[in-house]
C-alpha cells in the first residue's frame, strides 16, 4: 500500500515536470518572437526585423518626407507668447526590410506601431503637446509593397511664438512650427517637405477670432547643436490682427470722449459746475478706458503699444481741455481783481495829492519864518537822492510787472474762442500722423 502511494507521487511529479517543460518551451518561443519583433500577420516578412535599428543602418540616411494639415488654431495668447494648434502630421519613409510582392497597401492597427521603427520627430519650442486618444490612439500605419511606410498622427500642441507688440493692435506676427529629429542627426535621418509649400494645408481655410492668415511658406534648414547637425523643417506663417474690433471697442469711445471735452468751450466761464463736471468726467472716463485696454495683456509687458500711444494722446487732449478752463477762469478772476485795484489806486492817488499839497503849504509857512521864499511853481527836487537798494527794488518791480503784463490774458473769453479752433485742428493732424505711421511704416 505504501509502495502504491510512492508510485503515485512519482507519477505526479513526472507529469508536473513535463508540464513545466512545455510551458517553458512556449515562453521561449514567445520570447524569441519578441526578440525578433516580427509584425503579427507578417511573420515571414519581418523575420529578423529589429525595430531598434533604423532602415539602412550604417549606410545612407533615411529620407523622411512630411506633410501637415492644420485642423485648427484654437488660441493665440499675447500674454504667454504662444499659440495652440491641432495638426495632422504625416511622415513617409522607405524601409527595404518591409518590401513585399504585389501592388497592394495594408492599413494596420495603430497599436502595431510598437513592432516597427518610427522616427523620433518632435516639435521644437513646444511647451506642451498630447496625442489624441479617443477612442483609441489617433495614429495610422500603412505599408506599401515597395517598403514605404506612412505614419500619421493627430497632435494638439502649444508652441512658443515671440511677438512684437509695439504696433498692437495693428500688428502682424510671424509664428513658426518647427519639426526636427530628437536623436538622429543628419547622418542618419534627413527631413524634407513632400511637396514644398503644398505640403501644408488648412491654413488658408482657418477662421480666427482676432487674426487673419496672410501668407505662409515652408523652409528646410540645419540646426547645429552640441550633439550634431540636425535637419529642421520650418512652417512659417504670418498672422495679421483684425483691428476693427479694437476700433469699435477702444478707438471710437476715446475719440468721442475727446470731442465731448470740447463741449465745455461753448459754455460760459461763469458756469463753473458745468465746465468742471465735463472736464473731470472725461478725464476719469479716459483713465478707466486706459486701464481696461491693458486687462488682456500682462503687467510684465514693457511694450509701448500703438493703442497706448493713442490713448495717451486722447488723455492729453482731455486733460488739456480741463486745464484750458482753469487758465481762462483764473484770467477772468485776475482781470476783475485788476479792475478793482485800478479803482482803489485812483482813490489813493487823489488822497496822496491832497496830502502832498497840504504838506507843501505847511512847509512853505515854516520856511517863510527863515526868510526863504519859495515859489509854488519853482520847487526843485534835484537835491533829493535815493538809496541804491531802493533803486534796485524799483527796477526789479518794474521789470516783473512788465513780464506779468506780457503773459496776462487781457480778454479771457478769447481763450475759449481760440480753443474751439486749435483743439480740433491739432487733434486731426495728430490722427493723420498716427494712422499713417502705424499703418504704413
Protein backbone atom coordinates (compact mmCIF):
# COMPACT_ATOMS: atom_id res chain seq x y z
CA UNK A 1 0.00 0.00 0.00
CA UNK A 2 2.83 2.35 0.88
CA UNK A 3 4.51 1.43 -2.40
CA UNK A 4 1.41 2.48 -4.35
CA UNK A 5 1.38 5.88 -2.68
CA UNK A 6 5.04 6.45 -3.52
CA UNK A 7 4.46 5.37 -7.10
CA UNK A 8 1.50 7.76 -7.42
CA UNK A 9 3.57 10.65 -6.07
CA UNK A 10 6.37 9.86 -8.52
CA UNK A 11 3.97 9.84 -11.46
CA UNK A 12 2.55 13.22 -10.41
CA UNK A 13 5.99 14.73 -10.17
CA UNK A 14 6.83 13.47 -13.66
CA UNK A 15 3.67 14.94 -15.11
CA UNK A 16 4.31 18.28 -13.37
CA UNK A 17 7.88 18.36 -14.68
CA UNK A 18 6.69 17.64 -18.22
CA UNK A 19 4.06 20.40 -17.97
CA UNK A 20 6.64 22.91 -16.76
CA UNK A 21 8.93 21.96 -19.64
CA UNK A 22 6.13 22.51 -22.16
CA UNK A 23 5.32 25.92 -20.70
CA UNK A 24 8.98 26.84 -20.75
CA UNK A 25 9.22 25.95 -24.44
CA UNK A 26 6.16 28.08 -25.18
CA UNK A 27 7.59 31.02 -23.26
CA UNK A 28 10.89 30.60 -25.02
CA UNK A 29 9.21 30.59 -28.40
CA UNK A 30 7.25 33.72 -27.47
CA UNK A 31 10.45 35.29 -26.18
CA UNK A 32 12.22 34.50 -29.44
CA UNK A 33 9.35 36.06 -31.32
CA UNK A 34 9.57 39.20 -29.17
CA UNK A 35 13.30 39.35 -29.69
CA UNK A 36 12.75 39.22 -33.45
CA UNK A 37 9.91 41.76 -33.04
CA UNK A 38 8.07 40.30 -36.01
CA UNK A 39 4.86 42.00 -37.05
CA UNK A 40 1.80 39.79 -36.29
CA UNK A 41 0.37 38.53 -39.57
CA UNK A 42 3.64 39.40 -41.38
CA UNK A 43 5.97 36.92 -39.63
CA UNK A 44 7.58 35.84 -42.91
CA UNK A 45 8.05 39.45 -43.99
CA UNK A 46 9.50 40.72 -40.74
CA UNK A 47 11.52 37.72 -39.69
CA UNK A 48 14.64 39.06 -38.03
CA UNK A 49 13.29 42.65 -38.12
CA UNK A 50 14.78 44.83 -35.41
CA UNK A 51 12.78 47.96 -34.62
CA UNK A 52 15.67 49.45 -32.69
CA UNK A 53 17.74 49.87 -35.85
CA UNK A 54 16.80 52.44 -38.47
CA UNK A 55 16.42 51.48 -42.14
CA UNK A 56 19.76 51.43 -43.99
CA UNK A 57 21.53 51.19 -40.67
CA UNK A 58 25.19 52.09 -41.17
CA UNK A 59 24.50 53.36 -44.67
CA UNK A 60 22.72 56.27 -46.31
CA UNK A 61 20.45 58.43 -44.14
CA UNK A 62 16.72 57.73 -44.15
CA UNK A 63 14.75 60.21 -46.25
CA UNK A 64 11.58 61.19 -44.35
CA UNK A 65 9.02 63.28 -46.24
CA UNK A 66 6.46 65.21 -44.19
CA UNK A 67 3.09 66.81 -44.83
CA UNK A 68 0.92 68.81 -42.45
CA UNK A 69 -2.76 69.53 -42.17
CA UNK A 70 -3.61 72.36 -39.78
CA UNK A 71 -7.00 71.44 -38.35
CA UNK A 72 -7.35 74.47 -36.08
CA UNK A 73 -5.53 77.18 -34.17
CA UNK A 74 -7.65 77.44 -31.05
CA UNK A 75 -5.92 80.27 -29.25
CA UNK A 76 -3.16 82.82 -29.71
CA UNK A 77 -2.01 84.25 -26.41
CA UNK A 78 -0.14 87.57 -26.25
CA UNK A 79 0.35 87.20 -22.51
CA UNK A 80 2.07 83.80 -22.78
CA UNK A 81 3.61 84.45 -26.20
CA UNK A 82 2.35 81.20 -27.71
CA UNK A 83 -0.35 79.61 -29.84
CA UNK A 84 -2.22 76.29 -29.62
CA UNK A 85 -2.83 74.26 -32.77
CA UNK A 86 -4.23 70.86 -33.69
CA UNK A 87 -2.31 69.29 -36.57
CA UNK A 88 -2.30 66.10 -38.63
CA UNK A 89 1.34 65.09 -39.00
CA UNK A 90 2.08 62.58 -41.77
CA UNK A 91 5.54 61.04 -42.27
CA UNK A 92 6.67 58.82 -45.14
CA UNK A 93 9.88 56.83 -45.45
CA UNK A 94 11.09 53.67 -47.17
CA UNK A 95 12.18 50.61 -45.21
CA UNK A 96 13.63 47.93 -47.53
CA UNK A 97 13.05 45.31 -44.85
CA UNK A 98 9.28 45.66 -45.41
CA UNK A 99 9.17 45.12 -49.20
CA UNK A 100 6.63 42.53 -50.35
CA UNK A 101 5.22 41.34 -53.66
CA UNK A 102 2.13 42.87 -55.18
CA UNK A 103 0.69 46.32 -55.60
CA UNK A 104 -1.46 46.39 -52.53
CA UNK A 105 -1.12 48.50 -49.42
CA UNK A 106 -2.16 47.44 -45.94
CA UNK A 107 -3.53 49.70 -43.23
CA UNK A 108 -2.58 48.25 -39.86
CA UNK A 109 -3.95 48.72 -36.41
CA UNK A 110 -2.30 51.69 -34.79
CA UNK A 111 -1.25 49.58 -31.83
CA UNK A 112 1.07 47.59 -34.12
CA UNK A 113 3.35 50.61 -34.39
CA UNK A 114 5.18 49.13 -31.41
CA UNK A 115 6.65 46.50 -33.72
CA UNK A 116 8.10 48.93 -36.28
CA UNK A 117 10.84 51.52 -36.34
CA UNK A 118 9.42 55.05 -36.46
CA UNK A 119 11.31 58.40 -36.49
CA UNK A 120 11.67 60.32 -33.24
CA UNK A 121 10.21 63.54 -34.59
CA UNK A 122 9.49 66.30 -32.08
CA UNK A 123 8.13 69.85 -32.21
CA UNK A 124 10.76 72.45 -31.46
CA UNK A 125 9.78 75.15 -28.89
CA UNK A 126 6.70 73.17 -27.89
CA UNK A 127 5.54 73.97 -24.36
CA UNK A 128 3.12 71.05 -24.10
CA UNK A 129 1.71 68.53 -26.54
CA UNK A 130 -0.50 65.48 -26.46
CA UNK A 131 -1.64 62.76 -28.80
CA UNK A 132 -5.40 62.31 -29.05
CA UNK A 133 -6.55 59.03 -27.50
CA UNK A 134 -10.32 58.94 -28.22
CA UNK A 135 -11.50 56.33 -28.86
CA UNK A 136 -8.07 54.84 -29.44
CA UNK A 137 -4.75 56.48 -30.11
CA UNK A 138 -5.15 58.66 -33.21
CA UNK A 139 -2.35 57.05 -35.18
CA UNK A 140 -2.20 55.38 -38.57
CA UNK A 141 0.26 52.88 -40.03
CA UNK A 142 0.07 51.93 -43.72
CA UNK A 143 2.53 49.62 -45.52
CA UNK A 144 3.12 49.75 -49.29
CA UNK A 145 4.60 46.97 -51.39
CA UNK A 146 7.75 48.97 -52.17
CA UNK A 147 8.57 49.25 -48.48
CA UNK A 148 7.14 52.74 -47.99
CA UNK A 149 5.66 53.36 -44.56
CA UNK A 150 3.03 56.04 -43.91
CA UNK A 151 2.79 57.10 -40.27
CA UNK A 152 0.12 59.69 -39.37
CA UNK A 153 -0.64 61.34 -36.02
CA UNK A 154 -3.18 63.83 -34.67
CA UNK A 155 -1.48 66.15 -32.19
CA UNK A 156 -2.50 69.20 -30.22
CA UNK A 157 0.46 71.34 -29.27
CA UNK A 158 1.17 74.69 -27.66
CA UNK A 159 4.16 76.33 -29.32
CA UNK A 160 6.08 79.45 -28.32
CA UNK A 161 5.84 82.44 -30.65
CA UNK A 162 7.91 85.53 -29.96
CA UNK A 163 5.70 88.53 -30.63
CA UNK A 164 6.47 92.18 -31.22
CA UNK A 165 3.56 94.13 -29.71
CA UNK A 166 4.87 97.62 -30.40
CA UNK A 167 2.18 98.11 -33.08
CA UNK A 168 -0.62 96.38 -31.17
CA UNK A 169 -3.45 96.20 -32.26
CA UNK A 170 -2.26 96.97 -35.81
CA UNK A 171 0.49 94.39 -35.57
CA UNK A 172 1.49 91.46 -37.77
CA UNK A 173 3.00 88.44 -36.05
CA UNK A 174 5.27 85.84 -37.65
CA UNK A 175 4.98 82.44 -35.94
CA UNK A 176 6.74 79.16 -36.65
CA UNK A 177 6.10 75.44 -36.38
CA UNK A 178 9.43 73.60 -36.42
CA UNK A 179 9.96 69.84 -36.71
CA UNK A 180 13.20 68.01 -36.05
CA UNK A 181 14.58 64.62 -35.06
CA UNK A 182 15.40 64.33 -31.40
CA UNK A 183 18.24 61.79 -31.57
CA UNK A 184 19.15 61.14 -35.21
CA UNK A 185 21.38 63.77 -36.79
CA UNK A 186 21.78 64.48 -40.50
CA UNK A 187 23.95 61.38 -41.00
CA UNK A 188 21.05 59.12 -40.03
CA UNK A 189 17.84 60.99 -40.88
CA UNK A 190 17.06 63.65 -43.49
CA UNK A 191 13.75 65.51 -43.28
CA UNK A 192 12.14 67.01 -46.38
CA UNK A 193 8.80 68.55 -47.29
CA UNK A 194 6.96 66.15 -49.59
CA UNK A 195 5.54 68.84 -51.91
CA UNK A 196 7.17 72.10 -50.83
CA UNK A 197 4.62 74.75 -49.83
CA UNK A 198 1.84 72.42 -50.97
CA UNK A 199 2.83 70.08 -48.16
CA UNK A 200 0.88 72.29 -45.76
CA UNK A 201 -2.90 72.52 -45.95
CA UNK A 202 -5.66 74.02 -43.88
CA UNK A 203 -4.13 77.40 -43.06
CA UNK A 204 -5.94 79.19 -45.86
CA UNK A 205 -9.30 77.94 -44.52
CA UNK A 206 -8.80 78.91 -40.90
CA UNK A 207 -11.16 81.46 -39.34
CA UNK A 208 -9.61 83.03 -36.26
CA UNK A 209 -11.21 85.46 -33.81
CA UNK A 210 -8.59 88.23 -33.96
CA UNK A 211 -6.26 87.23 -36.77
CA UNK A 212 -6.18 86.55 -40.47
CA UNK A 213 -3.56 84.28 -42.03
CA UNK A 214 -1.84 86.50 -44.58
CA UNK A 215 0.67 84.05 -46.04
CA UNK A 216 2.77 81.03 -45.16
CA UNK A 217 5.80 79.21 -46.56
CA UNK A 218 8.00 76.23 -45.76
CA UNK A 219 11.74 76.06 -45.16
CA UNK A 220 14.39 73.38 -44.70
CA UNK A 221 17.30 74.44 -42.52
CA UNK A 222 20.10 72.98 -40.44
CA UNK A 223 20.21 73.12 -36.67
CA UNK A 224 23.73 72.99 -35.27
CA UNK A 225 23.74 71.65 -31.72
CA UNK A 226 26.28 70.14 -29.39
CA UNK A 227 25.13 66.59 -30.22
CA UNK A 228 25.25 67.03 -34.00
CA UNK A 229 23.92 68.74 -37.09
CA UNK A 230 20.18 68.14 -37.47
CA UNK A 231 17.73 68.74 -40.31
CA UNK A 232 14.91 71.07 -39.31
CA UNK A 233 11.66 71.68 -41.16
CA UNK A 234 10.00 75.05 -40.61
CA UNK A 235 6.48 76.17 -41.35
CA UNK A 236 6.37 79.95 -41.07
CA UNK A 237 3.03 81.76 -41.21
CA UNK A 238 2.09 85.42 -40.91
CA UNK A 239 -0.87 86.48 -38.77
CA UNK A 240 -2.41 89.93 -39.17
CA UNK A 241 -4.62 91.16 -36.36
CA UNK A 242 -8.14 92.34 -37.20
CA UNK A 243 -8.20 95.93 -35.99
CA UNK A 244 -11.95 96.51 -36.46
CA UNK A 245 -12.76 95.07 -33.02
CA UNK A 246 -10.35 97.45 -31.31
CA UNK A 247 -11.63 100.41 -33.32
CA UNK A 248 -15.15 99.79 -32.06
CA UNK A 249 -14.10 98.96 -28.51
CA UNK A 250 -11.34 101.49 -27.80
CA UNK A 251 -10.56 103.98 -30.57
CA UNK A 252 -14.11 105.23 -31.18
CA UNK A 253 -15.01 105.69 -27.46
CA UNK A 254 -11.74 107.50 -26.72
CA UNK A 255 -12.26 109.80 -29.73
CA UNK A 256 -15.81 110.59 -28.60
CA UNK A 257 -14.52 111.46 -25.12
CA UNK A 258 -12.08 113.95 -26.65
CA UNK A 259 -14.89 115.54 -28.67
CA UNK A 260 -17.06 115.63 -25.55
CA UNK A 261 -14.37 117.56 -23.69
CA UNK A 262 -14.59 120.30 -26.35
CA UNK A 263 -18.23 120.97 -25.44
CA UNK A 264 -17.01 122.99 -22.46
CA UNK A 265 -15.57 125.62 -24.84
CA UNK A 266 -19.14 126.64 -25.72
CA UNK A 267 -20.18 127.03 -22.06
CA UNK A 268 -19.80 130.37 -20.29
CA UNK A 269 -16.81 130.88 -18.00
CA UNK A 270 -19.20 131.69 -15.18
CA UNK A 271 -20.75 128.19 -15.31
CA UNK A 272 -18.13 126.67 -13.03
CA UNK A 273 -20.03 123.46 -12.03
CA UNK A 274 -20.95 122.59 -15.63
CA UNK A 275 -17.48 123.01 -17.09
CA UNK A 276 -15.75 121.36 -14.14
CA UNK A 277 -18.14 118.40 -14.31
CA UNK A 278 -17.45 117.83 -18.02
CA UNK A 279 -13.68 118.09 -17.55
CA UNK A 280 -13.46 115.76 -14.56
CA UNK A 281 -15.89 113.21 -16.08
CA UNK A 282 -13.97 112.95 -19.35
CA UNK A 283 -10.64 112.61 -17.54
CA UNK A 284 -11.95 109.80 -15.32
CA UNK A 285 -13.57 108.04 -18.28
CA UNK A 286 -10.31 108.15 -20.22
CA UNK A 287 -8.45 106.75 -17.23
CA UNK A 288 -10.91 103.84 -16.99
CA UNK A 289 -10.58 103.20 -20.72
CA UNK A 290 -6.77 103.13 -20.48
CA UNK A 291 -6.86 100.65 -17.61
CA UNK A 292 -9.37 98.43 -19.41
CA UNK A 293 -7.25 98.28 -22.56
CA UNK A 294 -4.45 96.58 -20.64
CA UNK A 295 -6.51 93.84 -18.99
CA UNK A 296 -5.87 91.40 -21.85
CA UNK A 297 -2.10 91.88 -21.62
CA UNK A 298 0.21 91.06 -18.71
CA UNK A 299 1.65 93.75 -16.49
CA UNK A 300 5.14 92.43 -17.17
CA UNK A 301 4.97 93.51 -20.82
CA UNK A 302 7.18 96.56 -21.25
CA UNK A 303 5.98 97.30 -24.77
CA UNK A 304 4.72 100.79 -25.52
CA UNK A 305 1.95 99.72 -27.85
CA UNK A 306 0.19 101.71 -30.53
CA UNK A 307 -3.05 101.65 -28.57
CA UNK A 308 -1.23 103.08 -25.54
CA UNK A 309 0.09 105.93 -27.66
CA UNK A 310 -3.38 106.78 -28.95
CA UNK A 311 -4.97 106.63 -25.52
CA UNK A 312 -2.17 108.82 -24.19
CA UNK A 313 -2.87 111.37 -26.94
CA UNK A 314 -6.59 111.35 -26.13
CA UNK A 315 -5.90 111.70 -22.42
CA UNK A 316 -3.62 114.67 -23.10
CA UNK A 317 -6.35 116.45 -25.08
CA UNK A 318 -8.99 115.74 -22.45
CA UNK A 319 -6.74 116.92 -19.64
CA UNK A 320 -5.72 119.93 -21.75
CA UNK A 321 -9.38 120.94 -22.09
CA UNK A 322 -9.70 120.87 -18.32
CA UNK A 323 -6.55 122.97 -17.91
CA UNK A 324 -7.82 125.39 -20.54
CA UNK A 325 -10.85 126.18 -18.42
CA UNK A 326 -8.67 126.58 -15.31
CA UNK A 327 -6.47 129.10 -17.14
CA UNK A 328 -9.40 131.01 -18.62
CA UNK A 329 -11.25 131.16 -15.30
CA UNK A 330 -8.14 132.26 -13.43
CA UNK A 331 -7.51 135.00 -16.03
CA UNK A 332 -11.04 136.30 -15.66
CA UNK A 333 -10.60 136.50 -11.89
CA UNK A 334 -7.31 138.33 -12.34
CA UNK A 335 -8.96 140.78 -14.71
CA UNK A 336 -11.69 141.53 -12.16
CA UNK A 337 -9.07 141.96 -9.46
CA UNK A 338 -7.10 144.35 -11.70
CA UNK A 339 -10.19 146.49 -12.26
CA UNK A 340 -10.85 146.70 -8.53
CA UNK A 341 -7.18 147.53 -7.92
CA UNK A 342 -7.28 150.28 -10.57
CA UNK A 343 -10.23 151.92 -8.82
CA UNK A 344 -8.53 151.76 -5.46
CA UNK A 345 -5.33 153.24 -6.94
CA UNK A 346 -7.22 156.24 -8.30
CA UNK A 347 -8.67 156.89 -4.85
CA UNK A 348 -5.22 156.55 -3.29
CA UNK A 349 -3.67 158.95 -5.83
CA UNK A 350 -6.29 161.60 -5.00
CA UNK A 351 -5.62 161.21 -1.29
CA UNK A 352 -1.85 161.33 -1.80
CA UNK A 353 -2.16 164.51 -3.91
CA UNK A 354 -4.16 166.21 -1.19
CA UNK A 355 -1.68 165.16 1.46
CA UNK A 356 1.28 166.42 -0.61
CA UNK A 357 -0.39 169.76 -1.28
CA UNK A 358 -1.17 170.25 2.39
CA UNK A 359 2.37 169.27 3.32
CA UNK A 360 3.88 171.75 0.86
CA UNK A 361 1.71 174.53 2.21
CA UNK A 362 2.81 173.71 5.72
CA UNK A 363 6.42 173.52 4.62
CA UNK A 364 6.19 176.94 2.95
CA UNK A 365 4.87 178.51 6.09
CA UNK A 366 7.74 177.08 8.10
CA UNK A 367 10.38 178.25 5.63
CA UNK A 368 8.91 181.74 5.50
CA UNK A 369 9.96 182.23 9.10
CA UNK A 370 13.54 181.70 7.96
CA UNK A 371 13.20 184.38 5.24
CA UNK A 372 13.32 181.83 2.39
CA UNK A 373 10.82 182.45 -0.35
CA UNK A 374 9.57 179.57 -2.35
CA UNK A 375 7.50 179.83 -5.40
CA UNK A 376 4.65 177.45 -5.97
CA UNK A 377 5.91 176.74 -9.47
CA UNK A 378 9.70 176.58 -8.79
CA UNK A 379 10.14 173.73 -6.34
CA UNK A 380 13.46 171.97 -7.11
CA UNK A 381 13.70 168.27 -6.21
CA UNK A 382 17.09 167.64 -7.80
CA UNK A 383 18.80 167.56 -4.44
CA UNK A 384 16.64 164.69 -3.28
CA UNK A 385 18.56 161.36 -3.52
CA UNK A 386 17.53 157.67 -3.44
CA UNK A 387 19.45 154.78 -1.94
CA UNK A 388 20.93 152.07 -4.24
CA UNK A 389 18.84 149.27 -2.71
CA UNK A 390 15.69 151.28 -3.26
CA UNK A 391 16.64 151.89 -6.88
CA UNK A 392 17.20 148.08 -7.39
CA UNK A 393 13.84 147.23 -5.85
CA UNK A 394 12.11 149.82 -8.01
CA UNK A 395 13.71 148.47 -11.24
CA UNK A 396 13.01 144.84 -10.32
CA UNK A 397 9.36 145.55 -9.58
CA UNK A 398 9.04 147.44 -12.82
CA UNK A 399 10.54 144.54 -14.87
CA UNK A 400 8.41 141.91 -13.13
CA UNK A 401 5.32 143.99 -13.69
CA UNK A 402 6.06 144.17 -17.41
CA UNK A 403 6.63 140.40 -17.62
CA UNK A 404 3.39 139.68 -15.78
CA UNK A 405 1.54 142.10 -18.02
CA UNK A 406 3.02 140.37 -21.10
CA UNK A 407 1.70 136.96 -20.05
CA UNK A 408 -1.54 138.27 -18.66
CA UNK A 409 -4.52 137.44 -20.82
CA UNK A 410 -6.28 140.70 -21.45
CA UNK A 411 -9.51 139.11 -22.66
CA UNK A 412 -10.17 135.64 -21.10
CA UNK A 413 -13.06 134.98 -23.48
CA UNK A 414 -10.50 134.74 -26.31
CA UNK A 415 -9.09 131.58 -24.73
CA UNK A 416 -12.28 129.66 -25.46
CA UNK A 417 -12.51 131.27 -28.87
CA UNK A 418 -9.06 130.10 -29.91
CA UNK A 419 -9.51 126.68 -28.27
CA UNK A 420 -12.60 125.96 -30.37
CA UNK A 421 -10.36 126.08 -33.43
CA UNK A 422 -6.97 124.88 -32.20
CA UNK A 423 -8.00 121.76 -30.27
CA UNK A 424 -9.90 120.06 -33.17
CA UNK A 425 -7.28 121.13 -35.71
CA UNK A 426 -4.34 119.78 -33.72
CA UNK A 427 -6.22 116.57 -32.89
CA UNK A 428 -6.94 115.92 -36.56
CA UNK A 429 -3.29 116.48 -37.51
CA UNK A 430 -2.09 114.14 -34.78
CA UNK A 431 -4.52 111.45 -36.00
CA UNK A 432 -3.25 111.77 -39.56
CA UNK A 433 0.37 111.24 -38.45
CA UNK A 434 -0.62 108.46 -36.04
CA UNK A 435 -2.55 106.32 -38.51
CA UNK A 436 -0.08 106.95 -41.34
CA UNK A 437 2.84 105.83 -39.19
CA UNK A 438 1.31 102.67 -37.71
CA UNK A 439 -0.47 101.53 -40.86
CA UNK A 440 2.27 102.05 -43.43
CA UNK A 441 5.59 102.10 -41.52
